[in-house]
């Protein structure tokens, strides 16, 4: 469009050289309004469909549409989400990933992030971070009891289990077990 509007000044050498910019700005303004209205209309027209599909992971647009629609659904039966959460944490051990967040879990099990968060709060009685950290602490406890991990330090085991820092590991471990990691390790011996 800019090329077509600049033909008059560049190729034909007409005296009014700024007309092509005005035409281009009008075109750009109309394009912006058109895209805005199309996006708004598409947002209003979307319907939420359950994303639970074991064959194909949900696309980003499906996840966003369902998250927006399911924020206010108030679904109280979270048993399917709970069983999917337990299954994925035990089989795939996603808690070992240090950068794990609610969106990763939701995409992995095929449910909207808002429903997954609500299910964790309702079924496990804790928030997402505490729930994941519980799995991490249990894995640390297993590895401390396993002789094949004796060559690793406490911090090394903590980092392998998904913790990001030594300070947060010590704080969370003590909160979940009532003992510091060193005390817990001494009690194992």
N, C-alpha and C. Protein backbone atom coordinates (compact mmCIF):
# COMPACT_ATOMS: atom_id res chain seq x y z
N UNK A 1 0.83 -1.18 0.00
CA UNK A 1 0.00 0.00 0.00
C UNK A 1 0.88 1.25 0.00
N UNK A 2 1.97 1.21 0.77
CA UNK A 2 2.89 2.35 0.79
C UNK A 2 3.52 2.54 -0.59
N UNK A 3 3.88 1.45 -1.24
CA UNK A 3 4.47 1.52 -2.57
C UNK A 3 3.50 2.16 -3.55
N UNK A 4 2.25 1.70 -3.53
CA UNK A 4 1.26 2.24 -4.46
C UNK A 4 1.00 3.72 -4.21
N UNK A 5 0.98 4.12 -2.95
CA UNK A 5 0.71 5.52 -2.67
C UNK A 5 1.93 6.40 -2.94
N UNK A 6 3.12 5.83 -3.00
CA UNK A 6 4.31 6.63 -3.26
C UNK A 6 4.63 6.74 -4.75
N UNK A 7 3.89 6.03 -5.60
CA UNK A 7 4.14 6.10 -7.04
C UNK A 7 4.01 7.54 -7.55
N UNK A 8 3.03 8.26 -7.02
CA UNK A 8 2.79 9.61 -7.50
C UNK A 8 3.99 10.53 -7.27
N UNK A 9 4.67 10.38 -6.15
CA UNK A 9 5.79 11.28 -5.89
C UNK A 9 7.13 10.75 -6.38
N UNK A 10 7.34 9.46 -6.33
CA UNK A 10 8.64 8.91 -6.69
C UNK A 10 8.79 8.63 -8.18
N UNK A 11 7.82 8.05 -8.79
CA UNK A 11 7.94 7.68 -10.19
C UNK A 11 7.45 8.80 -11.11
N UNK A 12 6.29 9.37 -10.77
CA UNK A 12 5.71 10.40 -11.62
C UNK A 12 6.28 11.79 -11.33
N UNK A 13 7.05 11.92 -10.27
CA UNK A 13 7.68 13.18 -9.88
C UNK A 13 6.69 14.33 -9.73
N UNK A 14 5.58 14.06 -9.07
CA UNK A 14 4.61 15.11 -8.80
C UNK A 14 5.09 15.95 -7.62
N UNK A 15 4.60 17.17 -7.53
CA UNK A 15 5.11 18.11 -6.53
C UNK A 15 4.65 17.81 -5.11
N UNK A 16 3.47 17.24 -4.92
CA UNK A 16 2.95 16.97 -3.58
C UNK A 16 3.48 15.62 -3.10
N UNK A 17 4.63 15.64 -2.40
CA UNK A 17 5.31 14.39 -2.04
C UNK A 17 4.83 13.77 -0.74
N UNK A 18 4.05 14.46 0.06
CA UNK A 18 3.61 13.91 1.33
C UNK A 18 2.22 13.29 1.27
N UNK A 19 1.60 13.28 0.14
CA UNK A 19 0.28 12.68 0.00
C UNK A 19 0.34 11.18 0.23
N UNK A 20 1.41 10.54 -0.23
CA UNK A 20 1.51 9.09 -0.06
C UNK A 20 1.58 8.71 1.41
N UNK A 21 2.20 9.53 2.25
CA UNK A 21 2.23 9.23 3.68
C UNK A 21 0.85 9.35 4.30
N UNK A 22 0.09 10.33 3.90
CA UNK A 22 -1.26 10.49 4.41
C UNK A 22 -2.13 9.30 4.01
N UNK A 23 -2.00 8.86 2.78
CA UNK A 23 -2.77 7.68 2.31
C UNK A 23 -2.35 6.45 3.10
N UNK A 24 -1.05 6.29 3.33
CA UNK A 24 -0.57 5.14 4.08
C UNK A 24 -1.08 5.16 5.51
N UNK A 25 -1.09 6.31 6.16
CA UNK A 25 -1.59 6.41 7.54
C UNK A 25 -3.08 6.11 7.61
N UNK A 26 -3.84 6.53 6.63
CA UNK A 26 -5.27 6.20 6.60
C UNK A 26 -5.44 4.69 6.47
N UNK A 27 -4.66 4.08 5.59
CA UNK A 27 -4.72 2.62 5.42
C UNK A 27 -4.34 1.92 6.71
N UNK A 28 -3.27 2.36 7.36
CA UNK A 28 -2.81 1.75 8.60
C UNK A 28 -3.85 1.88 9.71
N UNK A 29 -4.50 3.03 9.80
CA UNK A 29 -5.54 3.26 10.80
C UNK A 29 -6.72 2.32 10.58
N UNK A 30 -7.14 2.19 9.33
CA UNK A 30 -8.25 1.29 9.02
C UNK A 30 -7.89 -0.16 9.33
N UNK A 31 -6.66 -0.54 9.02
CA UNK A 31 -6.21 -1.90 9.31
C UNK A 31 -6.22 -2.18 10.82
N UNK A 32 -5.77 -1.24 11.61
CA UNK A 32 -5.74 -1.42 13.07
C UNK A 32 -7.16 -1.56 13.61
N UNK A 33 -8.07 -0.70 13.16
CA UNK A 33 -9.45 -0.81 13.62
C UNK A 33 -10.08 -2.13 13.18
N UNK A 34 -9.81 -2.55 11.98
CA UNK A 34 -10.36 -3.81 11.48
C UNK A 34 -9.88 -4.98 12.34
N UNK A 35 -8.57 -5.05 12.58
CA UNK A 35 -8.02 -6.14 13.38
C UNK A 35 -8.54 -6.11 14.83
N UNK A 36 -8.71 -4.92 15.37
CA UNK A 36 -9.24 -4.81 16.74
C UNK A 36 -10.65 -5.33 16.83
N UNK A 37 -11.49 -4.94 15.89
CA UNK A 37 -12.88 -5.42 15.91
C UNK A 37 -12.96 -6.92 15.65
N UNK A 38 -12.12 -7.44 14.77
CA UNK A 38 -12.12 -8.88 14.51
C UNK A 38 -11.68 -9.66 15.75
N UNK A 39 -10.67 -9.17 16.44
CA UNK A 39 -10.22 -9.83 17.66
C UNK A 39 -11.28 -9.80 18.75
N UNK A 40 -11.92 -8.66 18.92
CA UNK A 40 -12.98 -8.54 19.92
C UNK A 40 -14.15 -9.44 19.58
N UNK A 41 -14.53 -9.49 18.32
CA UNK A 41 -15.64 -10.34 17.90
C UNK A 41 -15.28 -11.82 18.10
N UNK A 42 -14.06 -12.19 17.81
CA UNK A 42 -13.63 -13.58 18.00
C UNK A 42 -13.63 -13.95 19.48
N UNK A 43 -13.24 -13.01 20.34
CA UNK A 43 -13.24 -13.27 21.78
C UNK A 43 -14.65 -13.50 22.29
N UNK A 44 -15.61 -12.72 21.80
CA UNK A 44 -16.99 -12.88 22.22
C UNK A 44 -17.62 -14.16 21.69
N UNK A 45 -17.17 -14.62 20.54
CA UNK A 45 -17.80 -15.77 19.89
C UNK A 45 -17.24 -17.11 20.35
N UNK A 46 -16.14 -17.11 21.09
CA UNK A 46 -15.53 -18.39 21.48
C UNK A 46 -16.36 -19.09 22.54
N UNK A 47 -16.35 -20.39 22.47
CA UNK A 47 -16.99 -21.23 23.47
C UNK A 47 -15.92 -22.11 24.06
N UNK A 48 -16.06 -22.43 25.33
CA UNK A 48 -15.07 -23.27 26.00
C UNK A 48 -15.42 -24.73 25.82
N UNK A 49 -14.44 -25.48 25.42
CA UNK A 49 -14.58 -26.92 25.33
C UNK A 49 -13.54 -27.55 26.23
N UNK A 50 -13.86 -28.69 26.85
CA UNK A 50 -12.87 -29.35 27.71
C UNK A 50 -11.63 -29.70 26.90
N UNK A 51 -10.48 -29.50 27.52
CA UNK A 51 -9.24 -29.76 26.82
C UNK A 51 -8.70 -31.15 27.07
N UNK A 52 -9.34 -31.94 27.89
CA UNK A 52 -8.81 -33.26 28.26
C UNK A 52 -8.71 -34.13 27.02
N UNK A 53 -7.50 -34.36 26.62
CA UNK A 53 -7.23 -35.20 25.46
C UNK A 53 -5.89 -35.86 25.67
N UNK A 54 -5.87 -37.16 25.69
CA UNK A 54 -4.61 -37.84 25.93
C UNK A 54 -3.79 -37.98 24.66
N UNK A 55 -4.42 -37.80 23.49
CA UNK A 55 -3.70 -37.97 22.24
C UNK A 55 -2.88 -36.74 21.85
N UNK A 56 -3.48 -35.56 21.96
CA UNK A 56 -2.82 -34.34 21.51
C UNK A 56 -2.80 -33.31 22.61
N UNK A 57 -1.65 -32.67 22.84
CA UNK A 57 -1.64 -31.59 23.83
C UNK A 57 -2.42 -30.40 23.31
N UNK A 58 -2.99 -29.59 24.19
CA UNK A 58 -3.78 -28.45 23.75
C UNK A 58 -2.90 -27.38 23.12
N UNK A 59 -3.48 -26.66 22.17
CA UNK A 59 -2.76 -25.54 21.58
C UNK A 59 -2.87 -24.35 22.52
N UNK A 60 -2.02 -23.36 22.29
CA UNK A 60 -2.04 -22.18 23.15
C UNK A 60 -3.38 -21.47 23.08
N UNK A 61 -3.96 -21.35 21.89
CA UNK A 61 -5.25 -20.66 21.78
C UNK A 61 -6.36 -21.42 22.49
N UNK A 62 -6.32 -22.76 22.44
CA UNK A 62 -7.32 -23.54 23.17
C UNK A 62 -7.17 -23.33 24.67
N UNK A 63 -5.94 -23.32 25.14
CA UNK A 63 -5.70 -23.15 26.58
C UNK A 63 -6.17 -21.78 27.05
N UNK A 64 -5.89 -20.74 26.27
CA UNK A 64 -6.30 -19.39 26.65
C UNK A 64 -7.81 -19.27 26.65
N UNK A 65 -8.47 -19.80 25.60
CA UNK A 65 -9.93 -19.72 25.53
C UNK A 65 -10.57 -20.44 26.70
N UNK A 66 -10.07 -21.60 27.03
CA UNK A 66 -10.67 -22.37 28.11
C UNK A 66 -10.37 -21.74 29.46
N UNK A 67 -9.15 -21.19 29.63
CA UNK A 67 -8.83 -20.51 30.87
C UNK A 67 -9.77 -19.34 31.10
N UNK A 68 -10.02 -18.54 30.06
CA UNK A 68 -10.91 -17.39 30.20
C UNK A 68 -12.33 -17.83 30.53
N UNK A 69 -12.80 -18.88 29.89
CA UNK A 69 -14.17 -19.32 30.09
C UNK A 69 -14.34 -20.05 31.42
N UNK A 70 -13.30 -20.74 31.88
CA UNK A 70 -13.45 -21.58 33.06
C UNK A 70 -13.10 -20.90 34.36
N UNK A 71 -12.72 -19.65 34.32
CA UNK A 71 -12.39 -18.95 35.56
C UNK A 71 -13.62 -18.86 36.44
N UNK A 72 -14.78 -18.68 35.85
CA UNK A 72 -15.98 -18.49 36.65
C UNK A 72 -16.95 -19.67 36.61
N UNK A 73 -16.51 -20.84 36.15
CA UNK A 73 -17.45 -21.96 36.07
C UNK A 73 -17.78 -22.55 37.43
N UNK A 74 -16.83 -22.50 38.37
CA UNK A 74 -17.10 -22.99 39.71
C UNK A 74 -17.26 -24.50 39.77
N UNK A 75 -16.57 -25.23 38.93
CA UNK A 75 -16.65 -26.68 38.94
C UNK A 75 -16.13 -27.20 40.27
N UNK A 76 -16.93 -28.03 40.93
CA UNK A 76 -16.55 -28.50 42.25
C UNK A 76 -16.08 -29.95 42.24
N UNK A 77 -16.29 -30.68 41.17
CA UNK A 77 -15.84 -32.05 41.11
C UNK A 77 -14.49 -32.09 40.42
N UNK A 78 -13.45 -32.17 41.23
CA UNK A 78 -12.10 -32.13 40.72
C UNK A 78 -11.44 -33.50 40.73
N UNK A 79 -12.20 -34.56 40.82
CA UNK A 79 -11.60 -35.89 40.95
C UNK A 79 -10.80 -36.28 39.71
N UNK A 80 -11.26 -35.90 38.53
CA UNK A 80 -10.51 -36.23 37.30
C UNK A 80 -9.19 -35.46 37.27
N UNK A 81 -9.24 -34.21 37.68
CA UNK A 81 -8.02 -33.40 37.70
C UNK A 81 -7.07 -33.94 38.77
N UNK A 82 -7.61 -34.31 39.92
CA UNK A 82 -6.78 -34.83 40.99
C UNK A 82 -6.07 -36.11 40.56
N UNK A 83 -6.79 -37.03 39.95
CA UNK A 83 -6.15 -38.28 39.52
C UNK A 83 -5.11 -38.02 38.43
N UNK A 84 -5.39 -37.06 37.52
CA UNK A 84 -4.41 -36.72 36.48
C UNK A 84 -3.17 -36.10 37.11
N UNK A 85 -3.36 -35.25 38.11
CA UNK A 85 -2.22 -34.62 38.79
C UNK A 85 -1.34 -35.65 39.49
N UNK A 86 -1.97 -36.54 40.22
CA UNK A 86 -1.21 -37.56 40.93
C UNK A 86 -0.47 -38.46 39.95
N UNK A 87 -1.15 -38.83 38.89
CA UNK A 87 -0.54 -39.71 37.89
C UNK A 87 0.67 -39.06 37.23
N UNK A 88 0.53 -37.81 36.84
CA UNK A 88 1.62 -37.14 36.13
C UNK A 88 2.81 -36.86 37.05
N UNK A 89 2.53 -36.57 38.31
CA UNK A 89 3.63 -36.30 39.24
C UNK A 89 4.38 -37.58 39.61
N UNK A 90 3.67 -38.70 39.69
CA UNK A 90 4.33 -39.94 40.04
C UNK A 90 5.05 -40.57 38.85
N UNK A 91 4.45 -40.48 37.67
CA UNK A 91 5.06 -41.12 36.50
C UNK A 91 6.12 -40.25 35.83
N UNK A 92 5.80 -39.00 35.58
CA UNK A 92 6.72 -38.14 34.85
C UNK A 92 7.63 -37.31 35.76
N UNK A 93 7.30 -37.25 37.03
CA UNK A 93 8.07 -36.52 38.03
C UNK A 93 8.41 -35.10 37.57
N UNK A 94 7.38 -34.36 37.20
CA UNK A 94 7.56 -32.99 36.74
C UNK A 94 8.11 -32.08 37.84
N UNK A 95 7.95 -32.46 39.09
CA UNK A 95 8.42 -31.64 40.20
C UNK A 95 9.94 -31.49 40.20
N UNK A 96 10.64 -32.35 39.45
CA UNK A 96 12.10 -32.25 39.37
C UNK A 96 12.55 -31.07 38.52
N UNK A 97 11.64 -30.50 37.74
CA UNK A 97 11.96 -29.35 36.91
C UNK A 97 11.94 -28.08 37.77
N UNK A 98 13.07 -27.37 37.85
CA UNK A 98 13.14 -26.19 38.73
C UNK A 98 12.20 -25.05 38.31
N UNK A 99 11.93 -24.90 37.05
CA UNK A 99 11.10 -23.79 36.56
C UNK A 99 9.63 -24.19 36.38
N UNK A 100 9.19 -25.21 37.06
CA UNK A 100 7.82 -25.70 36.93
C UNK A 100 6.83 -24.66 37.41
N UNK A 101 5.75 -24.47 36.64
CA UNK A 101 4.68 -23.58 37.07
C UNK A 101 3.33 -24.21 36.74
N UNK A 102 2.28 -23.55 37.16
CA UNK A 102 0.93 -24.10 37.02
C UNK A 102 0.54 -24.29 35.56
N UNK A 103 1.02 -23.42 34.69
CA UNK A 103 0.69 -23.53 33.27
C UNK A 103 1.33 -24.78 32.65
N UNK A 104 2.55 -25.13 33.08
CA UNK A 104 3.19 -26.35 32.58
C UNK A 104 2.38 -27.59 32.98
N UNK A 105 1.98 -27.62 34.23
CA UNK A 105 1.19 -28.76 34.73
C UNK A 105 -0.14 -28.83 33.99
N UNK A 106 -0.80 -27.69 33.85
CA UNK A 106 -2.11 -27.66 33.19
C UNK A 106 -2.00 -28.14 31.75
N UNK A 107 -0.96 -27.70 31.05
CA UNK A 107 -0.77 -28.13 29.66
C UNK A 107 -0.46 -29.62 29.60
N UNK A 108 0.28 -30.13 30.57
CA UNK A 108 0.65 -31.54 30.57
C UNK A 108 -0.55 -32.46 30.80
N UNK A 109 -1.51 -32.02 31.61
CA UNK A 109 -2.66 -32.89 31.88
C UNK A 109 -3.88 -32.52 31.05
N UNK A 110 -3.83 -31.38 30.35
CA UNK A 110 -4.93 -31.03 29.44
C UNK A 110 -6.13 -30.38 30.11
N UNK A 111 -5.91 -29.68 31.19
CA UNK A 111 -6.98 -28.95 31.86
C UNK A 111 -6.59 -27.48 31.96
N UNK A 112 -7.55 -26.59 32.09
CA UNK A 112 -7.22 -25.17 32.24
C UNK A 112 -6.48 -24.89 33.55
N UNK A 113 -5.57 -23.94 33.50
CA UNK A 113 -4.75 -23.62 34.68
C UNK A 113 -5.60 -23.19 35.86
N UNK A 114 -6.68 -22.46 35.62
CA UNK A 114 -7.54 -22.01 36.71
C UNK A 114 -8.19 -23.21 37.42
N UNK A 115 -8.63 -24.20 36.66
CA UNK A 115 -9.22 -25.39 37.26
C UNK A 115 -8.18 -26.23 37.99
N UNK A 116 -6.98 -26.32 37.44
CA UNK A 116 -5.91 -27.08 38.10
C UNK A 116 -5.57 -26.43 39.44
N UNK A 117 -5.45 -25.13 39.45
CA UNK A 117 -5.16 -24.42 40.69
C UNK A 117 -6.27 -24.62 41.72
N UNK A 118 -7.51 -24.51 41.26
CA UNK A 118 -8.64 -24.71 42.17
C UNK A 118 -8.68 -26.14 42.69
N UNK A 119 -8.35 -27.11 41.84
CA UNK A 119 -8.35 -28.52 42.26
C UNK A 119 -7.27 -28.77 43.30
N UNK A 120 -6.09 -28.20 43.10
CA UNK A 120 -5.01 -28.37 44.08
C UNK A 120 -5.42 -27.76 45.42
N UNK A 121 -6.01 -26.57 45.37
CA UNK A 121 -6.46 -25.93 46.62
C UNK A 121 -7.54 -26.76 47.30
N UNK A 122 -8.52 -27.27 46.53
CA UNK A 122 -9.65 -28.00 47.11
C UNK A 122 -9.28 -29.42 47.53
N UNK A 123 -8.56 -30.14 46.69
CA UNK A 123 -8.31 -31.56 46.95
C UNK A 123 -7.12 -31.80 47.88
N UNK A 124 -6.10 -30.95 47.79
CA UNK A 124 -4.90 -31.17 48.59
C UNK A 124 -4.78 -30.19 49.76
N UNK A 125 -5.63 -29.17 49.78
CA UNK A 125 -5.63 -28.22 50.88
C UNK A 125 -4.41 -27.33 50.95
N UNK A 126 -3.79 -27.06 49.80
CA UNK A 126 -2.61 -26.20 49.77
C UNK A 126 -2.51 -25.53 48.41
N UNK A 127 -1.64 -24.54 48.33
CA UNK A 127 -1.46 -23.87 47.04
C UNK A 127 -0.50 -24.68 46.16
N UNK A 128 -0.34 -24.23 44.94
CA UNK A 128 0.47 -24.97 43.97
C UNK A 128 1.91 -25.14 44.42
N UNK A 129 2.54 -24.06 44.88
CA UNK A 129 3.95 -24.11 45.29
C UNK A 129 4.15 -25.11 46.44
N UNK A 130 3.29 -25.06 47.44
CA UNK A 130 3.42 -25.99 48.57
C UNK A 130 3.23 -27.43 48.13
N UNK A 131 2.29 -27.65 47.22
CA UNK A 131 2.02 -28.99 46.72
C UNK A 131 3.24 -29.55 45.99
N UNK A 132 3.83 -28.76 45.10
CA UNK A 132 5.02 -29.20 44.35
C UNK A 132 6.19 -29.40 45.30
N UNK A 133 6.37 -28.47 46.23
CA UNK A 133 7.47 -28.59 47.18
C UNK A 133 7.33 -29.82 48.07
N UNK A 134 6.11 -30.25 48.33
CA UNK A 134 5.90 -31.50 49.08
C UNK A 134 6.47 -32.70 48.34
N UNK A 135 6.23 -32.75 47.03
CA UNK A 135 6.82 -33.83 46.22
C UNK A 135 8.34 -33.73 46.20
N UNK A 136 8.86 -32.53 46.13
CA UNK A 136 10.31 -32.35 46.12
C UNK A 136 10.95 -32.80 47.43
N UNK A 137 10.32 -32.45 48.54
CA UNK A 137 10.84 -32.85 49.85
C UNK A 137 10.81 -34.37 49.98
N UNK A 138 9.73 -34.99 49.54
CA UNK A 138 9.65 -36.46 49.61
C UNK A 138 10.74 -37.11 48.77
N UNK A 139 11.03 -36.53 47.61
CA UNK A 139 12.10 -37.07 46.76
C UNK A 139 13.46 -36.89 47.42
N UNK A 140 13.67 -35.76 48.07
CA UNK A 140 14.93 -35.54 48.80
C UNK A 140 15.06 -36.58 49.90
N UNK A 141 13.99 -36.83 50.63
CA UNK A 141 14.03 -37.82 51.71
C UNK A 141 14.35 -39.21 51.17
N UNK A 142 13.76 -39.56 50.01
CA UNK A 142 14.06 -40.86 49.40
C UNK A 142 15.53 -40.96 49.02
N UNK A 143 16.05 -39.89 48.44
CA UNK A 143 17.44 -39.92 47.99
C UNK A 143 18.43 -39.89 49.16
N UNK A 144 18.05 -39.25 50.25
CA UNK A 144 18.93 -39.27 51.42
C UNK A 144 19.01 -40.66 52.03
N UNK A 145 17.94 -41.41 51.92
CA UNK A 145 17.92 -42.77 52.46
C UNK A 145 18.57 -43.78 51.51
N UNK A 146 18.73 -43.41 50.25
CA UNK A 146 19.30 -44.31 49.24
C UNK A 146 20.82 -44.18 49.22
N UNK A 147 21.52 -45.30 49.34
CA UNK A 147 22.99 -45.28 49.40
C UNK A 147 23.62 -44.89 48.06
N UNK A 148 22.89 -44.98 46.96
CA UNK A 148 23.48 -44.62 45.66
C UNK A 148 23.63 -43.11 45.48
N UNK A 149 23.07 -42.33 46.40
CA UNK A 149 23.20 -40.87 46.34
C UNK A 149 24.16 -40.33 47.41
N UNK A 150 24.89 -41.20 48.06
CA UNK A 150 25.79 -40.77 49.15
C UNK A 150 26.91 -39.87 48.64
N UNK A 151 27.26 -39.98 47.37
CA UNK A 151 28.35 -39.16 46.83
C UNK A 151 27.94 -37.70 46.61
N UNK A 152 26.64 -37.40 46.67
CA UNK A 152 26.14 -36.04 46.47
C UNK A 152 25.98 -35.32 47.81
N UNK A 153 26.17 -34.02 47.79
CA UNK A 153 25.93 -33.22 48.99
C UNK A 153 24.43 -32.97 49.13
N UNK A 154 24.03 -32.44 50.28
CA UNK A 154 22.62 -32.09 50.49
C UNK A 154 22.14 -31.10 49.43
N UNK A 155 22.97 -30.10 49.16
CA UNK A 155 22.60 -29.09 48.16
C UNK A 155 22.50 -29.71 46.78
N UNK A 156 23.40 -30.61 46.44
CA UNK A 156 23.35 -31.28 45.15
C UNK A 156 22.07 -32.09 44.99
N UNK A 157 21.69 -32.79 46.02
CA UNK A 157 20.44 -33.56 45.99
C UNK A 157 19.25 -32.61 45.86
N UNK A 158 19.29 -31.51 46.60
CA UNK A 158 18.19 -30.54 46.55
C UNK A 158 18.04 -29.96 45.14
N UNK A 159 19.14 -29.59 44.52
CA UNK A 159 19.07 -29.05 43.16
C UNK A 159 18.58 -30.10 42.16
N UNK A 160 19.00 -31.36 42.35
CA UNK A 160 18.51 -32.44 41.49
C UNK A 160 17.01 -32.67 41.65
N UNK A 161 16.49 -32.34 42.81
CA UNK A 161 15.06 -32.55 43.09
C UNK A 161 14.20 -31.33 42.76
N UNK A 162 14.77 -30.31 42.15
CA UNK A 162 13.98 -29.19 41.66
C UNK A 162 14.05 -27.91 42.45
N UNK A 163 14.79 -27.89 43.54
CA UNK A 163 14.90 -26.65 44.31
C UNK A 163 15.85 -25.70 43.59
N UNK A 164 15.58 -24.39 43.71
CA UNK A 164 16.37 -23.38 43.02
C UNK A 164 17.51 -22.82 43.84
N UNK A 165 17.36 -22.83 45.16
CA UNK A 165 18.41 -22.27 46.00
C UNK A 165 18.53 -23.07 47.29
N UNK A 166 19.70 -22.97 47.89
CA UNK A 166 19.95 -23.70 49.13
C UNK A 166 19.09 -23.16 50.26
N UNK A 167 18.93 -21.85 50.31
CA UNK A 167 18.14 -21.24 51.39
C UNK A 167 16.68 -21.67 51.33
N UNK A 168 16.11 -21.66 50.14
CA UNK A 168 14.70 -22.08 50.02
C UNK A 168 14.56 -23.57 50.31
N UNK A 169 15.55 -24.37 49.93
CA UNK A 169 15.51 -25.80 50.23
C UNK A 169 15.48 -26.03 51.74
N UNK A 170 16.37 -25.38 52.47
CA UNK A 170 16.42 -25.58 53.92
C UNK A 170 15.12 -25.13 54.59
N UNK A 171 14.61 -23.98 54.15
CA UNK A 171 13.37 -23.44 54.73
C UNK A 171 12.19 -24.37 54.47
N UNK A 172 12.05 -24.82 53.22
CA UNK A 172 10.91 -25.67 52.84
C UNK A 172 11.03 -27.05 53.47
N UNK A 173 12.24 -27.60 53.51
CA UNK A 173 12.43 -28.92 54.11
C UNK A 173 12.05 -28.89 55.58
N UNK A 174 12.48 -27.85 56.29
CA UNK A 174 12.15 -27.75 57.71
C UNK A 174 10.65 -27.56 57.92
N UNK A 175 10.02 -26.80 57.04
CA UNK A 175 8.58 -26.58 57.14
C UNK A 175 7.81 -27.89 56.96
N UNK A 176 8.24 -28.75 56.03
CA UNK A 176 7.53 -29.99 55.74
C UNK A 176 7.85 -31.12 56.73
N UNK A 177 9.07 -31.15 57.24
CA UNK A 177 9.46 -32.28 58.09
C UNK A 177 9.59 -31.92 59.56
N UNK A 178 9.76 -30.63 59.86
CA UNK A 178 9.98 -30.23 61.24
C UNK A 178 11.44 -30.29 61.64
N UNK A 179 12.30 -30.75 60.75
CA UNK A 179 13.74 -30.87 61.02
C UNK A 179 14.51 -30.22 59.89
N UNK A 180 15.70 -29.77 60.20
CA UNK A 180 16.57 -29.28 59.14
C UNK A 180 17.07 -30.49 58.35
N UNK A 181 17.52 -30.31 57.13
CA UNK A 181 18.02 -31.45 56.35
C UNK A 181 19.19 -32.16 57.02
N UNK A 182 20.07 -31.41 57.65
CA UNK A 182 21.22 -32.04 58.32
C UNK A 182 20.76 -32.88 59.51
N UNK A 183 19.82 -32.36 60.29
CA UNK A 183 19.28 -33.13 61.41
C UNK A 183 18.57 -34.38 60.92
N UNK A 184 17.82 -34.23 59.86
CA UNK A 184 17.11 -35.38 59.29
C UNK A 184 18.09 -36.45 58.82
N UNK A 185 19.17 -36.01 58.18
CA UNK A 185 20.19 -36.94 57.71
C UNK A 185 20.89 -37.65 58.87
N UNK A 186 21.15 -36.92 59.96
CA UNK A 186 21.77 -37.53 61.13
C UNK A 186 20.83 -38.55 61.77
N UNK A 187 19.52 -38.28 61.76
CA UNK A 187 18.57 -39.22 62.33
C UNK A 187 18.42 -40.48 61.49
N UNK A 188 18.76 -40.40 60.21
CA UNK A 188 18.71 -41.59 59.35
C UNK A 188 19.84 -42.56 59.68
N UNK A 189 20.95 -42.02 60.14
CA UNK A 189 22.13 -42.87 60.41
C UNK A 189 22.03 -43.58 61.70
